[in-house]
Amino acid sequence: MDSLTLDQAKRVVDTALAAARRESFRPMAVVVLDEAGQLKTMAREDGATPLRVDIAHGKAAAAFGMGVASRTLHERASANPVFFSAIAPAAGGKFIPQTGAVVIASTNGRVIGAIGASGGTGDEDEAICIEGLRHAGLAYR
C-alpha cells in the first residue's frame, strides 16, 4: 500500500476517539495527513477546545515533515532548541515537536501520512493515534 484512503483515515480517527472515550481522556482532536502532508480528515470532539485541531495538525505536520514520531522530535528539540525554534516559522507555523503524533508508513517503510492528536497528555495523545492505526492494520513509526 502506497497511499492512505479516506476510508482508512476515517476508521483510524473513529478508533482513536473511541479509545479516548474508553480511557476517559479529556475531549480530543485528531488530524490525519496524507502522503503529500495534506489534511485527509480530522475530528474535534464535543468539548475539545478550538486550538486542539491546530495543535494536533502541528504535531502531525512536524512528524510528517521530519519522518519521525513527534516524541523523537520533542527529544531532539530539547537538545537543539535554536534549530527547532526556527523550523515552525519556516513551516508556516505548522510544526509542533511535542509528543502526540506518529508517521504512517507503507509496508516498504515509505511515509504515507501522519496522525496527530491533542487534548490529553502527550502520552495519551500518542496512545490513541497508535491504537487507531493498529486497528486499521496500518504501520507507524
N, C-alpha and C. Protein backbone atom coordinates (compact mmCIF):
# COMPACT_ATOMS: atom_id res chain seq x y z
N MET A 1 0.85 -1.17 0.00
CA MET A 1 0.00 0.00 0.00
C MET A 1 0.89 1.24 0.00
N ASP A 2 0.66 2.11 -0.94
CA ASP A 2 1.46 3.33 -1.03
C ASP A 2 0.65 4.60 -0.86
N SER A 3 -0.60 4.45 -0.51
CA SER A 3 -1.40 5.64 -0.21
C SER A 3 -2.41 5.29 0.87
N LEU A 4 -2.88 6.31 1.50
CA LEU A 4 -3.84 6.20 2.58
C LEU A 4 -5.20 6.58 2.05
N THR A 5 -6.17 5.69 2.17
CA THR A 5 -7.50 6.01 1.66
C THR A 5 -8.28 6.83 2.70
N LEU A 6 -9.28 7.53 2.22
CA LEU A 6 -10.13 8.30 3.11
C LEU A 6 -10.85 7.36 4.08
N ASP A 7 -11.29 6.21 3.60
CA ASP A 7 -11.97 5.25 4.46
C ASP A 7 -11.04 4.80 5.60
N GLN A 8 -9.78 4.50 5.27
CA GLN A 8 -8.83 4.11 6.31
C GLN A 8 -8.63 5.23 7.32
N ALA A 9 -8.45 6.44 6.82
CA ALA A 9 -8.23 7.59 7.70
C ALA A 9 -9.41 7.80 8.64
N LYS A 10 -10.61 7.67 8.12
CA LYS A 10 -11.80 7.83 8.97
C LYS A 10 -11.87 6.75 10.04
N ARG A 11 -11.54 5.51 9.67
CA ARG A 11 -11.55 4.42 10.65
C ARG A 11 -10.52 4.66 11.75
N VAL A 12 -9.35 5.17 11.36
CA VAL A 12 -8.31 5.47 12.33
C VAL A 12 -8.80 6.52 13.33
N VAL A 13 -9.40 7.58 12.82
CA VAL A 13 -9.90 8.65 13.69
C VAL A 13 -11.00 8.13 14.61
N ASP A 14 -11.94 7.39 14.05
CA ASP A 14 -13.04 6.85 14.86
C ASP A 14 -12.51 5.96 15.99
N THR A 15 -11.55 5.11 15.66
CA THR A 15 -10.99 4.21 16.67
C THR A 15 -10.20 4.99 17.72
N ALA A 16 -9.44 5.98 17.28
CA ALA A 16 -8.67 6.79 18.22
C ALA A 16 -9.59 7.50 19.21
N LEU A 17 -10.67 8.07 18.71
CA LEU A 17 -11.60 8.78 19.60
C LEU A 17 -12.34 7.81 20.51
N ALA A 18 -12.66 6.63 20.00
CA ALA A 18 -13.30 5.62 20.86
C ALA A 18 -12.35 5.22 21.99
N ALA A 19 -11.06 5.12 21.69
CA ALA A 19 -10.07 4.79 22.73
C ALA A 19 -10.01 5.90 23.77
N ALA A 20 -10.07 7.14 23.32
CA ALA A 20 -10.04 8.27 24.26
C ALA A 20 -11.26 8.24 25.18
N ARG A 21 -12.42 7.91 24.64
CA ARG A 21 -13.62 7.83 25.48
C ARG A 21 -13.52 6.67 26.44
N ARG A 22 -13.05 5.51 25.97
CA ARG A 22 -12.92 4.33 26.83
C ARG A 22 -12.01 4.61 28.02
N GLU A 23 -10.95 5.39 27.80
CA GLU A 23 -9.99 5.72 28.84
C GLU A 23 -10.36 6.97 29.63
N SER A 24 -11.47 7.60 29.29
CA SER A 24 -11.95 8.82 29.95
C SER A 24 -10.94 9.97 29.87
N PHE A 25 -10.26 10.08 28.71
CA PHE A 25 -9.37 11.21 28.48
C PHE A 25 -10.19 12.45 28.24
N ARG A 26 -9.57 13.61 28.39
CA ARG A 26 -10.27 14.86 28.07
C ARG A 26 -10.66 14.86 26.59
N PRO A 27 -11.62 15.71 26.20
CA PRO A 27 -12.04 15.76 24.78
C PRO A 27 -10.85 16.02 23.85
N MET A 28 -10.82 15.31 22.75
CA MET A 28 -9.69 15.27 21.83
C MET A 28 -10.02 15.83 20.45
N ALA A 29 -8.96 16.20 19.76
CA ALA A 29 -8.99 16.45 18.32
C ALA A 29 -7.96 15.52 17.71
N VAL A 30 -8.28 14.96 16.55
CA VAL A 30 -7.37 14.06 15.84
C VAL A 30 -7.31 14.52 14.39
N VAL A 31 -6.09 14.60 13.85
CA VAL A 31 -5.86 15.03 12.47
C VAL A 31 -5.05 13.96 11.76
N VAL A 32 -5.46 13.62 10.53
CA VAL A 32 -4.71 12.69 9.70
C VAL A 32 -4.28 13.41 8.43
N LEU A 33 -2.99 13.32 8.13
CA LEU A 33 -2.43 13.88 6.90
C LEU A 33 -2.15 12.76 5.91
N ASP A 34 -2.20 13.08 4.62
CA ASP A 34 -1.96 12.07 3.59
C ASP A 34 -0.51 12.04 3.14
N GLU A 35 -0.23 11.31 2.08
CA GLU A 35 1.14 11.12 1.60
C GLU A 35 1.79 12.40 1.06
N ALA A 36 1.00 13.45 0.86
CA ALA A 36 1.53 14.75 0.46
C ALA A 36 1.61 15.72 1.64
N GLY A 37 1.28 15.23 2.82
CA GLY A 37 1.29 16.08 4.00
C GLY A 37 0.08 16.99 4.09
N GLN A 38 -0.95 16.68 3.31
CA GLN A 38 -2.16 17.49 3.30
C GLN A 38 -3.24 16.84 4.17
N LEU A 39 -4.14 17.66 4.66
CA LEU A 39 -5.22 17.17 5.51
C LEU A 39 -6.05 16.12 4.78
N LYS A 40 -6.17 14.95 5.38
CA LYS A 40 -7.02 13.88 4.84
C LYS A 40 -8.37 13.89 5.55
N THR A 41 -8.31 13.93 6.88
CA THR A 41 -9.54 14.03 7.67
C THR A 41 -9.17 14.47 9.08
N MET A 42 -10.17 14.95 9.79
CA MET A 42 -9.96 15.37 11.17
C MET A 42 -11.28 15.34 11.89
N ALA A 43 -11.20 15.31 13.21
CA ALA A 43 -12.40 15.41 14.04
C ALA A 43 -12.03 16.09 15.34
N ARG A 44 -12.96 16.89 15.84
CA ARG A 44 -12.81 17.53 17.15
C ARG A 44 -14.02 17.14 17.96
N GLU A 45 -13.77 16.47 19.06
CA GLU A 45 -14.87 16.02 19.91
C GLU A 45 -15.59 17.19 20.55
N ASP A 46 -16.84 16.97 20.88
CA ASP A 46 -17.59 17.96 21.64
C ASP A 46 -16.81 18.25 22.92
N GLY A 47 -16.65 19.52 23.21
CA GLY A 47 -15.96 19.92 24.42
C GLY A 47 -14.47 20.14 24.26
N ALA A 48 -13.90 19.71 23.14
CA ALA A 48 -12.47 19.97 22.91
C ALA A 48 -12.30 21.44 22.56
N THR A 49 -11.31 22.07 23.13
CA THR A 49 -11.11 23.49 22.88
C THR A 49 -10.70 23.72 21.42
N PRO A 50 -11.03 24.89 20.88
CA PRO A 50 -10.80 25.14 19.45
C PRO A 50 -9.36 24.96 18.99
N LEU A 51 -8.39 25.30 19.80
CA LEU A 51 -6.99 25.18 19.37
C LEU A 51 -6.51 23.74 19.27
N ARG A 52 -7.28 22.79 19.78
CA ARG A 52 -6.87 21.39 19.74
C ARG A 52 -6.64 20.92 18.30
N VAL A 53 -7.45 21.36 17.36
CA VAL A 53 -7.27 20.96 15.96
C VAL A 53 -5.93 21.48 15.44
N ASP A 54 -5.64 22.74 15.69
CA ASP A 54 -4.38 23.32 15.23
C ASP A 54 -3.17 22.64 15.86
N ILE A 55 -3.28 22.30 17.13
CA ILE A 55 -2.18 21.63 17.81
C ILE A 55 -1.98 20.23 17.25
N ALA A 56 -3.07 19.47 17.09
CA ALA A 56 -2.97 18.13 16.51
C ALA A 56 -2.37 18.19 15.11
N HIS A 57 -2.80 19.19 14.32
CA HIS A 57 -2.28 19.35 12.96
C HIS A 57 -0.78 19.67 13.01
N GLY A 58 -0.39 20.56 13.92
CA GLY A 58 1.01 20.93 14.03
C GLY A 58 1.89 19.75 14.44
N LYS A 59 1.38 18.91 15.33
CA LYS A 59 2.13 17.71 15.72
C LYS A 59 2.27 16.75 14.54
N ALA A 60 1.15 16.51 13.84
CA ALA A 60 1.19 15.60 12.68
C ALA A 60 2.09 16.14 11.59
N ALA A 61 2.02 17.44 11.32
CA ALA A 61 2.86 18.05 10.29
C ALA A 61 4.34 17.95 10.64
N ALA A 62 4.67 18.13 11.91
CA ALA A 62 6.06 18.00 12.34
C ALA A 62 6.55 16.57 12.13
N ALA A 63 5.75 15.59 12.54
CA ALA A 63 6.13 14.19 12.36
C ALA A 63 6.28 13.87 10.87
N PHE A 64 5.33 14.31 10.07
CA PHE A 64 5.37 14.05 8.63
C PHE A 64 6.60 14.69 8.00
N GLY A 65 6.81 15.95 8.31
CA GLY A 65 7.90 16.70 7.68
C GLY A 65 9.28 16.18 8.02
N MET A 66 9.44 15.64 9.21
CA MET A 66 10.75 15.13 9.63
C MET A 66 10.85 13.61 9.52
N GLY A 67 9.72 12.94 9.27
CA GLY A 67 9.73 11.50 9.06
C GLY A 67 9.90 10.65 10.30
N VAL A 68 9.62 11.25 11.46
CA VAL A 68 9.72 10.52 12.72
C VAL A 68 8.59 10.96 13.66
N ALA A 69 8.34 10.14 14.67
CA ALA A 69 7.31 10.47 15.65
C ALA A 69 7.63 11.77 16.36
N SER A 70 6.59 12.48 16.74
CA SER A 70 6.80 13.76 17.42
C SER A 70 7.47 13.57 18.79
N ARG A 71 7.38 12.40 19.37
CA ARG A 71 8.10 12.10 20.62
C ARG A 71 9.61 12.25 20.37
N THR A 72 10.09 11.72 19.27
CA THR A 72 11.51 11.83 18.90
C THR A 72 11.87 13.29 18.65
N LEU A 73 10.98 14.01 17.99
CA LEU A 73 11.24 15.43 17.73
C LEU A 73 11.33 16.23 19.03
N HIS A 74 10.46 15.90 19.98
CA HIS A 74 10.50 16.57 21.27
C HIS A 74 11.86 16.36 21.95
N GLU A 75 12.34 15.13 21.90
CA GLU A 75 13.65 14.82 22.50
C GLU A 75 14.75 15.59 21.78
N ARG A 76 14.70 15.62 20.45
CA ARG A 76 15.71 16.34 19.68
C ARG A 76 15.64 17.85 19.94
N ALA A 77 14.43 18.37 20.07
CA ALA A 77 14.27 19.81 20.31
C ALA A 77 14.86 20.22 21.65
N SER A 78 14.80 19.34 22.63
CA SER A 78 15.40 19.65 23.93
C SER A 78 16.90 19.83 23.83
N ALA A 79 17.52 19.09 22.92
CA ALA A 79 18.97 19.17 22.75
C ALA A 79 19.39 20.28 21.78
N ASN A 80 18.47 20.75 20.96
CA ASN A 80 18.82 21.74 19.94
C ASN A 80 17.68 22.76 19.80
N PRO A 81 17.38 23.53 20.84
CA PRO A 81 16.20 24.41 20.82
C PRO A 81 16.26 25.52 19.77
N VAL A 82 17.43 26.05 19.48
CA VAL A 82 17.51 27.14 18.50
C VAL A 82 17.07 26.64 17.12
N PHE A 83 17.57 25.49 16.70
CA PHE A 83 17.20 24.93 15.40
C PHE A 83 15.70 24.67 15.33
N PHE A 84 15.17 24.01 16.36
CA PHE A 84 13.75 23.66 16.33
C PHE A 84 12.85 24.88 16.44
N SER A 85 13.29 25.92 17.12
CA SER A 85 12.51 27.16 17.17
C SER A 85 12.43 27.83 15.81
N ALA A 86 13.42 27.61 14.96
CA ALA A 86 13.44 28.20 13.63
C ALA A 86 12.57 27.45 12.63
N ILE A 87 12.28 26.18 12.90
CA ILE A 87 11.51 25.38 11.94
C ILE A 87 10.06 25.83 11.87
N ALA A 88 9.42 26.12 13.00
CA ALA A 88 8.00 26.47 12.99
C ALA A 88 7.70 27.64 12.06
N PRO A 89 8.42 28.74 12.13
CA PRO A 89 8.14 29.83 11.17
C PRO A 89 8.40 29.42 9.72
N ALA A 90 9.44 28.61 9.51
CA ALA A 90 9.76 28.16 8.15
C ALA A 90 8.66 27.25 7.60
N ALA A 91 7.96 26.56 8.50
CA ALA A 91 6.88 25.65 8.11
C ALA A 91 5.51 26.32 8.17
N GLY A 92 5.49 27.63 8.21
CA GLY A 92 4.21 28.34 8.26
C GLY A 92 3.46 28.13 9.56
N GLY A 93 4.19 27.82 10.63
CA GLY A 93 3.57 27.63 11.93
C GLY A 93 3.08 26.23 12.19
N LYS A 94 3.06 25.37 11.16
CA LYS A 94 2.57 24.00 11.34
C LYS A 94 3.73 23.07 11.66
N PHE A 95 4.30 23.26 12.85
CA PHE A 95 5.39 22.41 13.30
C PHE A 95 5.44 22.48 14.81
N ILE A 96 4.90 21.45 15.45
CA ILE A 96 4.89 21.41 16.91
C ILE A 96 5.57 20.11 17.34
N PRO A 97 6.82 20.20 17.79
CA PRO A 97 7.56 19.00 18.18
C PRO A 97 7.24 18.55 19.61
N GLN A 98 6.01 18.15 19.82
CA GLN A 98 5.56 17.65 21.11
C GLN A 98 4.97 16.26 20.94
N THR A 99 5.14 15.42 21.92
CA THR A 99 4.62 14.06 21.86
C THR A 99 3.12 14.07 21.57
N GLY A 100 2.70 13.20 20.65
CA GLY A 100 1.29 13.08 20.33
C GLY A 100 1.01 12.84 18.86
N ALA A 101 2.05 12.52 18.06
CA ALA A 101 1.85 12.24 16.64
C ALA A 101 2.86 11.19 16.19
N VAL A 102 2.44 10.37 15.22
CA VAL A 102 3.33 9.38 14.62
C VAL A 102 3.18 9.43 13.10
N VAL A 103 4.21 8.94 12.44
CA VAL A 103 4.22 8.83 10.99
C VAL A 103 3.52 7.54 10.59
N ILE A 104 2.73 7.59 9.53
CA ILE A 104 2.09 6.39 8.98
C ILE A 104 3.00 5.91 7.85
N ALA A 105 3.35 4.62 7.88
CA ALA A 105 4.30 4.08 6.90
C ALA A 105 3.65 2.97 6.07
N SER A 106 4.10 2.88 4.81
CA SER A 106 3.66 1.79 3.94
C SER A 106 4.41 0.52 4.35
N THR A 107 4.04 -0.60 3.75
CA THR A 107 4.69 -1.86 4.09
C THR A 107 6.18 -1.85 3.72
N ASN A 108 6.58 -1.00 2.76
CA ASN A 108 8.00 -0.92 2.41
C ASN A 108 8.71 0.20 3.18
N GLY A 109 8.03 0.82 4.15
CA GLY A 109 8.65 1.82 5.01
C GLY A 109 8.53 3.26 4.54
N ARG A 110 7.90 3.48 3.39
CA ARG A 110 7.75 4.84 2.88
C ARG A 110 6.69 5.59 3.68
N VAL A 111 6.93 6.88 3.96
CA VAL A 111 5.96 7.71 4.69
C VAL A 111 4.75 7.97 3.79
N ILE A 112 3.57 7.59 4.29
CA ILE A 112 2.34 7.81 3.52
C ILE A 112 1.35 8.70 4.27
N GLY A 113 1.80 9.29 5.36
CA GLY A 113 0.94 10.19 6.11
C GLY A 113 1.41 10.33 7.54
N ALA A 114 0.57 10.97 8.32
CA ALA A 114 0.85 11.13 9.76
C ALA A 114 -0.47 11.35 10.47
N ILE A 115 -0.47 11.05 11.74
CA ILE A 115 -1.64 11.29 12.58
C ILE A 115 -1.17 11.99 13.85
N GLY A 116 -1.94 12.99 14.25
CA GLY A 116 -1.64 13.71 15.48
C GLY A 116 -2.91 13.90 16.29
N ALA A 117 -2.76 13.97 17.59
CA ALA A 117 -3.90 14.19 18.48
C ALA A 117 -3.54 15.24 19.51
N SER A 118 -4.56 15.89 20.05
CA SER A 118 -4.37 16.87 21.11
C SER A 118 -5.60 16.90 21.99
N GLY A 119 -5.35 17.04 23.26
CA GLY A 119 -6.44 17.12 24.24
C GLY A 119 -6.03 16.53 25.56
N GLY A 120 -5.25 15.47 25.51
CA GLY A 120 -4.78 14.84 26.73
C GLY A 120 -3.32 15.17 26.96
N THR A 121 -2.66 14.32 27.71
CA THR A 121 -1.22 14.44 27.83
C THR A 121 -0.60 13.98 26.51
N GLY A 122 0.67 14.27 26.31
CA GLY A 122 1.33 13.79 25.10
C GLY A 122 1.27 12.28 24.98
N ASP A 123 1.46 11.58 26.08
CA ASP A 123 1.40 10.12 26.07
C ASP A 123 0.00 9.63 25.70
N GLU A 124 -1.03 10.28 26.23
CA GLU A 124 -2.40 9.90 25.89
C GLU A 124 -2.68 10.16 24.42
N ASP A 125 -2.25 11.32 23.94
CA ASP A 125 -2.46 11.67 22.53
C ASP A 125 -1.81 10.63 21.62
N GLU A 126 -0.55 10.30 21.93
CA GLU A 126 0.17 9.32 21.12
C GLU A 126 -0.50 7.95 21.18
N ALA A 127 -0.94 7.55 22.36
CA ALA A 127 -1.55 6.22 22.53
C ALA A 127 -2.80 6.06 21.67
N ILE A 128 -3.65 7.08 21.60
CA ILE A 128 -4.87 6.92 20.79
C ILE A 128 -4.53 6.91 19.30
N CYS A 129 -3.51 7.65 18.90
CA CYS A 129 -3.08 7.61 17.49
C CYS A 129 -2.63 6.20 17.12
N ILE A 130 -1.80 5.62 17.97
CA ILE A 130 -1.28 4.28 17.71
C ILE A 130 -2.39 3.25 17.71
N GLU A 131 -3.32 3.36 18.65
CA GLU A 131 -4.43 2.40 18.68
C GLU A 131 -5.27 2.49 17.40
N GLY A 132 -5.53 3.71 16.93
CA GLY A 132 -6.28 3.87 15.69
C GLY A 132 -5.58 3.22 14.51
N LEU A 133 -4.28 3.41 14.40
CA LEU A 133 -3.52 2.83 13.30
C LEU A 133 -3.48 1.31 13.38
N ARG A 134 -3.25 0.78 14.57
CA ARG A 134 -3.20 -0.68 14.74
C ARG A 134 -4.54 -1.30 14.34
N HIS A 135 -5.62 -0.68 14.78
CA HIS A 135 -6.95 -1.21 14.47
C HIS A 135 -7.20 -1.25 12.97
N ALA A 136 -6.67 -0.28 12.25
CA ALA A 136 -6.84 -0.23 10.79
C ALA A 136 -5.78 -1.04 10.05
N GLY A 137 -4.87 -1.69 10.78
CA GLY A 137 -3.85 -2.51 10.15
C GLY A 137 -2.76 -1.70 9.46
N LEU A 138 -2.54 -0.46 9.93
CA LEU A 138 -1.53 0.41 9.33
C LEU A 138 -0.27 0.43 10.17
N ALA A 139 0.85 0.52 9.49
CA ALA A 139 2.14 0.59 10.18
C ALA A 139 2.45 2.03 10.56
N TYR A 140 3.28 2.20 11.57
CA TYR A 140 3.65 3.54 12.03
C TYR A 140 5.07 3.50 12.54
N ARG A 141 5.62 4.69 12.69
CA ARG A 141 6.93 4.82 13.34
C ARG A 141 7.03 6.17 13.99
